[in-house]
Protein backbone atom coordinates (compact mmCIF):
# COMPACT_ATOMS: atom_id res chain seq x y z
CA THR A 1 -22.13 4.00 -6.36
CA ALA A 2 -25.05 6.42 -6.57
CA GLY A 3 -22.80 9.09 -8.09
CA MET A 4 -21.66 6.80 -10.89
CA ILE A 5 -25.27 5.72 -11.57
CA ILE A 6 -26.36 9.34 -11.91
CA ALA A 7 -23.36 10.13 -14.12
CA GLY A 8 -24.15 7.09 -16.28
CA ALA A 9 -27.77 8.15 -16.67
CA ASP A 10 -26.72 11.65 -17.70
CA ALA A 11 -24.20 10.26 -20.16
CA ALA A 12 -26.84 7.95 -21.63
CA TRP A 13 -29.18 10.92 -22.13
CA VAL A 14 -26.43 12.83 -23.93
CA VAL A 15 -25.78 9.84 -26.21
CA LEU A 16 -29.50 9.56 -27.01
CA MET A 17 -29.62 13.24 -27.96
CA ILE A 18 -26.62 12.79 -30.26
CA MET A 19 -28.30 9.77 -31.86
CA PHE A 20 -31.52 11.77 -32.27
CA VAL A 21 -29.71 14.59 -34.06
CA ALA A 22 -27.81 12.17 -36.28
CA GLY A 23 -30.92 10.20 -37.17
CA SER A 24 -33.58 12.86 -37.59
CA ARG A 25 -31.46 15.64 -39.07
CA PRO A 26 -33.44 18.52 -37.50
CA PRO A 27 -33.08 22.11 -38.73
CA THR A 28 -30.22 24.25 -37.54
CA SER A 29 -32.36 25.83 -34.85
CA GLY A 30 -33.24 22.39 -33.52
CA ILE A 31 -29.58 21.35 -33.43
CA ALA A 32 -28.70 24.53 -31.54
CA LEU A 33 -31.44 23.79 -28.99
CA VAL A 34 -30.15 20.24 -28.47
CA VAL A 35 -26.59 21.53 -28.00
CA VAL A 36 -27.69 24.16 -25.50
CA THR A 37 -29.66 21.65 -23.43
CA THR A 38 -27.19 18.78 -23.75
CA ALA A 39 -23.88 20.51 -23.03
CA PRO A 40 -24.65 21.26 -19.34
CA VAL A 41 -25.84 17.68 -18.80
CA ALA A 42 -22.65 16.33 -20.39
CA ALA A 43 -20.50 18.59 -18.20
CA PHE A 44 -22.46 17.53 -15.10
CA ALA A 45 -21.99 13.86 -16.01
CA VAL A 46 -18.22 14.31 -16.23
CA LEU A 47 -18.03 16.22 -12.96
CA GLN A 48 -20.28 13.71 -11.20
CA ALA A 49 -18.14 10.81 -12.41
CA LEU A 50 -14.93 12.50 -11.25
CA ALA A 51 -16.44 13.22 -7.84
CA ALA A 52 -17.63 9.63 -7.49
CA LEU A 53 -14.17 8.30 -8.33
CA ARG A 54 -12.59 10.66 -5.81
CA LEU A 55 -14.92 9.55 -3.02
CA ALA A 56 -14.97 5.83 -3.85
CA ASP A 57 -13.23 3.40 -1.51
CA PRO A 58 -10.03 2.36 -3.37
CA GLY A 59 -10.10 -1.05 -1.68
CA LEU A 60 -7.35 -3.12 -0.10
CA ARG A 61 -4.14 -3.52 -2.11
CA THR A 62 -1.46 -6.16 -1.47
CA VAL A 63 2.24 -6.01 -2.33
CA GLU A 64 4.10 -9.26 -1.69
CA VAL A 65 7.59 -10.56 -2.42
CA HIS A 66 8.99 -14.09 -2.01
CA ARG A 67 12.67 -14.91 -2.24
CA THR A 68 14.87 -17.88 -1.35
CA ILE A 69 18.15 -16.93 0.31
CA GLU A 70 21.25 -18.65 1.63
CA GLY A 71 20.81 -19.02 5.39
CA THR A 72 19.04 -21.28 7.84
CA PRO A 73 15.59 -20.25 9.10
CA ASP A 74 17.00 -19.59 12.58
CA ALA A 75 19.76 -17.33 11.23
CA THR A 76 17.32 -15.58 8.90
CA TRP A 77 14.80 -15.04 11.69
CA ALA A 78 17.52 -13.41 13.80
CA VAL A 79 18.23 -10.77 11.15
CA MET A 80 14.55 -10.29 10.24
CA THR A 81 13.80 -9.33 13.84
CA ASP A 82 16.84 -7.06 14.19
CA HIS A 83 15.11 -3.67 14.37
CA ASP A 84 18.28 -1.62 13.98
CA LEU A 85 19.18 -3.57 10.85
CA TYR A 86 15.70 -3.07 9.39
CA ALA A 87 16.01 0.68 9.89
CA ARG A 88 19.33 0.65 8.01
CA LEU A 89 17.97 -1.40 5.12
CA ALA A 90 14.58 0.28 4.59
CA PRO A 91 15.17 3.41 2.48
CA ASN A 92 12.40 5.43 4.14
CA LEU A 93 13.40 4.71 7.75
CA SER A 94 16.03 6.17 10.06
CA ARG A 95 15.20 4.31 13.27
CA VAL A 96 13.03 1.43 14.48
CA GLY A 97 12.45 0.77 18.16
CA PRO A 98 12.20 -2.75 19.61
CA PHE A 99 8.88 -4.39 20.42
CA THR A 100 7.81 -3.25 23.89
CA PRO A 101 4.54 -3.50 25.87
CA THR A 102 2.25 -0.48 25.54
CA GLN A 103 1.80 1.07 28.96
CA GLY A 104 -1.60 0.34 30.46
CA THR A 105 -2.63 -2.16 27.75
CA ALA A 106 -1.98 -5.74 26.75
CA ARG A 107 -0.63 -4.66 23.37
CA THR A 108 2.96 -4.89 22.22
CA GLY A 109 4.42 -2.67 19.54
CA ARG A 110 7.30 -0.65 18.21
CA THR A 111 7.87 2.90 16.99
CA CYS A 112 9.33 3.81 13.60
CA TRP A 113 10.91 7.07 12.49
CA ASP A 114 11.35 8.09 8.87
CA ILE A 115 14.32 9.97 7.43
CA ARG A 116 12.60 13.30 8.17
CA GLY A 117 12.03 12.50 11.82
CA ARG A 118 8.31 11.75 11.57
CA HIS A 119 7.20 8.77 13.65
CA TRP A 120 4.31 6.35 14.12
CA ASP A 121 3.50 3.23 16.14
CA GLU A 122 3.15 -0.32 14.87
CA THR A 123 1.13 -2.81 16.96
CA LEU A 124 2.18 -6.45 16.94
CA THR A 125 -0.82 -8.53 15.82
CA SER A 126 0.80 -11.97 15.46
CA TRP A 127 4.07 -13.54 16.58
CA GLU A 128 5.23 -17.10 15.87
CA PRO A 129 8.87 -17.27 17.00
CA GLY A 130 11.22 -18.44 14.29
CA ARG A 131 8.50 -18.27 11.63
CA THR A 132 6.39 -15.11 11.20
CA PHE A 133 5.16 -11.87 12.72
CA SER A 134 2.70 -9.18 11.66
CA VAL A 135 2.11 -5.56 12.63
CA GLU A 136 -0.68 -3.06 12.12
CA ILE A 137 0.54 0.48 11.44
CA ASP A 138 -1.13 3.47 13.05
CA THR A 139 -1.85 5.38 9.85
CA HIS A 140 -3.85 8.00 11.77
CA ALA A 141 -0.90 9.16 13.87
CA GLU A 142 -0.46 12.92 13.67
CA SER A 143 2.94 12.67 12.01
CA TYR A 144 2.26 9.63 9.81
CA PRO A 145 3.50 10.75 6.39
CA TYR A 146 1.62 8.55 3.89
CA PRO A 147 -1.96 8.90 2.53
CA LEU A 148 -3.16 5.50 3.75
CA GLU A 149 -6.29 4.56 5.66
CA GLU A 150 -4.92 1.16 6.72
CA MET A 151 -1.59 -0.64 6.49
CA ARG A 152 -0.44 -4.04 7.73
CA GLY A 153 2.91 -5.77 7.30
CA THR A 154 3.89 -9.44 7.58
CA TRP A 155 7.36 -10.98 7.56
CA SER A 156 7.81 -14.76 7.31
CA VAL A 157 10.55 -17.35 6.91
CA THR A 158 10.24 -21.08 6.13
CA PRO A 159 12.82 -23.78 5.31
CA SER A 160 13.70 -24.17 1.65
CA GLY A 161 16.26 -26.95 1.44
CA PRO A 162 19.51 -27.48 3.37
CA GLY A 163 20.85 -24.18 4.69
CA ARG A 164 18.31 -22.13 2.73
CA SER A 165 15.20 -20.17 3.63
CA LEU A 166 12.18 -18.81 1.82
CA VAL A 167 11.52 -15.24 2.95
CA THR A 168 8.18 -13.53 2.41
CA MET A 169 7.37 -9.85 2.89
CA ARG A 170 3.79 -8.67 2.47
CA PHE A 171 2.16 -5.28 2.91
CA GLU A 172 -1.60 -4.75 2.76
CA VAL A 173 -2.70 -1.15 2.31
CA ARG A 174 -5.97 0.68 1.92
CA PRO A 175 -5.32 4.11 0.37
CA ARG A 176 -7.24 7.13 1.56
CA ARG A 177 -9.94 8.38 -0.74
CA GLY A 178 -8.74 10.86 -3.30
CA ALA A 179 -5.99 11.29 -5.84
CA ALA A 180 -3.11 11.29 -3.33
CA GLY A 181 -4.05 7.92 -1.86
CA ARG A 182 -4.52 6.31 -5.25
CA ALA A 183 -1.24 7.73 -6.55
CA PHE A 184 0.66 6.47 -3.51
CA ALA A 185 -0.86 2.99 -3.84
CA SER A 186 0.13 2.88 -7.51
CA ALA A 187 3.67 4.00 -6.66
CA LEU A 188 3.91 1.36 -3.93
CA ALA A 189 2.78 -1.34 -6.34
CA GLY A 190 5.35 -0.18 -8.87
CA THR A 191 8.43 0.44 -6.73
CA GLY A 192 7.61 -1.47 -3.54
CA PRO A 193 8.68 -4.96 -4.71
CA ALA A 194 12.15 -3.70 -5.70
CA MET A 195 12.65 -2.06 -2.30
CA MET A 196 11.42 -5.18 -0.51
CA ARG A 197 13.81 -7.39 -2.48
CA LYS A 198 16.64 -5.01 -1.57
CA ILE A 199 15.83 -5.44 2.12
CA ILE A 200 15.83 -9.23 1.75
CA THR A 201 19.20 -9.03 -0.01
CA GLY A 202 20.47 -7.05 2.97
CA TRP A 203 19.23 -9.75 5.33
CA GLU A 204 21.01 -12.41 3.28
CA SER A 205 24.26 -10.42 3.38
CA GLU A 206 23.91 -10.00 7.14
CA VAL A 207 23.38 -13.75 7.63
CA THR A 208 26.55 -14.43 5.66
CA ALA A 209 28.50 -11.80 7.60
CA ARG A 210 27.40 -13.20 10.94
CA ASN A 211 28.27 -16.76 9.91
CA GLU A 212 31.74 -15.61 8.88
CA SER A 213 32.31 -13.63 12.08
CA PRO A 214 34.80 -15.17 14.55
CA LEU A 215 32.13 -14.76 17.26
CA ALA A 216 29.89 -17.19 15.36
CA SER A 217 32.40 -20.04 15.64
């Protein structure tokens, strides 16, 4: 970016001044003059670089987990699309509404509430019954709690041998500019996979429980 170019130019000038002093060995008065003129430029270079980093687009980040579980694709799909179950398994959620048409539009979506009662809408962007679905989260909702500019989620299931399924969860996020967005993206990359695997484990347990239920026979 322009800010980083300017900061780099200032830093290069500071380095040249240091090399000049080291190579020419000027008198003490000359060294003092170089220090006086160089220090503000060095400070400006640092501040300019920090500002450029703060304003730079962090880019799109992806967190994805794959896991093979015991359960047919049909049984796994049934638990993956159970909104109440998802709300119980996701540690940050307290409630997830079912997919419903948005009044006055052709869109379909659901509403999610976190454990503090804050809520946001998720628009369904793809739906292949028995296989995969994707949503786009409204990160600009007034009560949306996370410092993200964009967020999309995809849940998929494919056969993986007799009575087994490969489950995939993927989240794509673009953090908001600034320290908070970058910190959240780093935290998601670090702790997100473990939470996603925990949800998949919950789905597997639910498939087993439903298969063992007398109602399933």
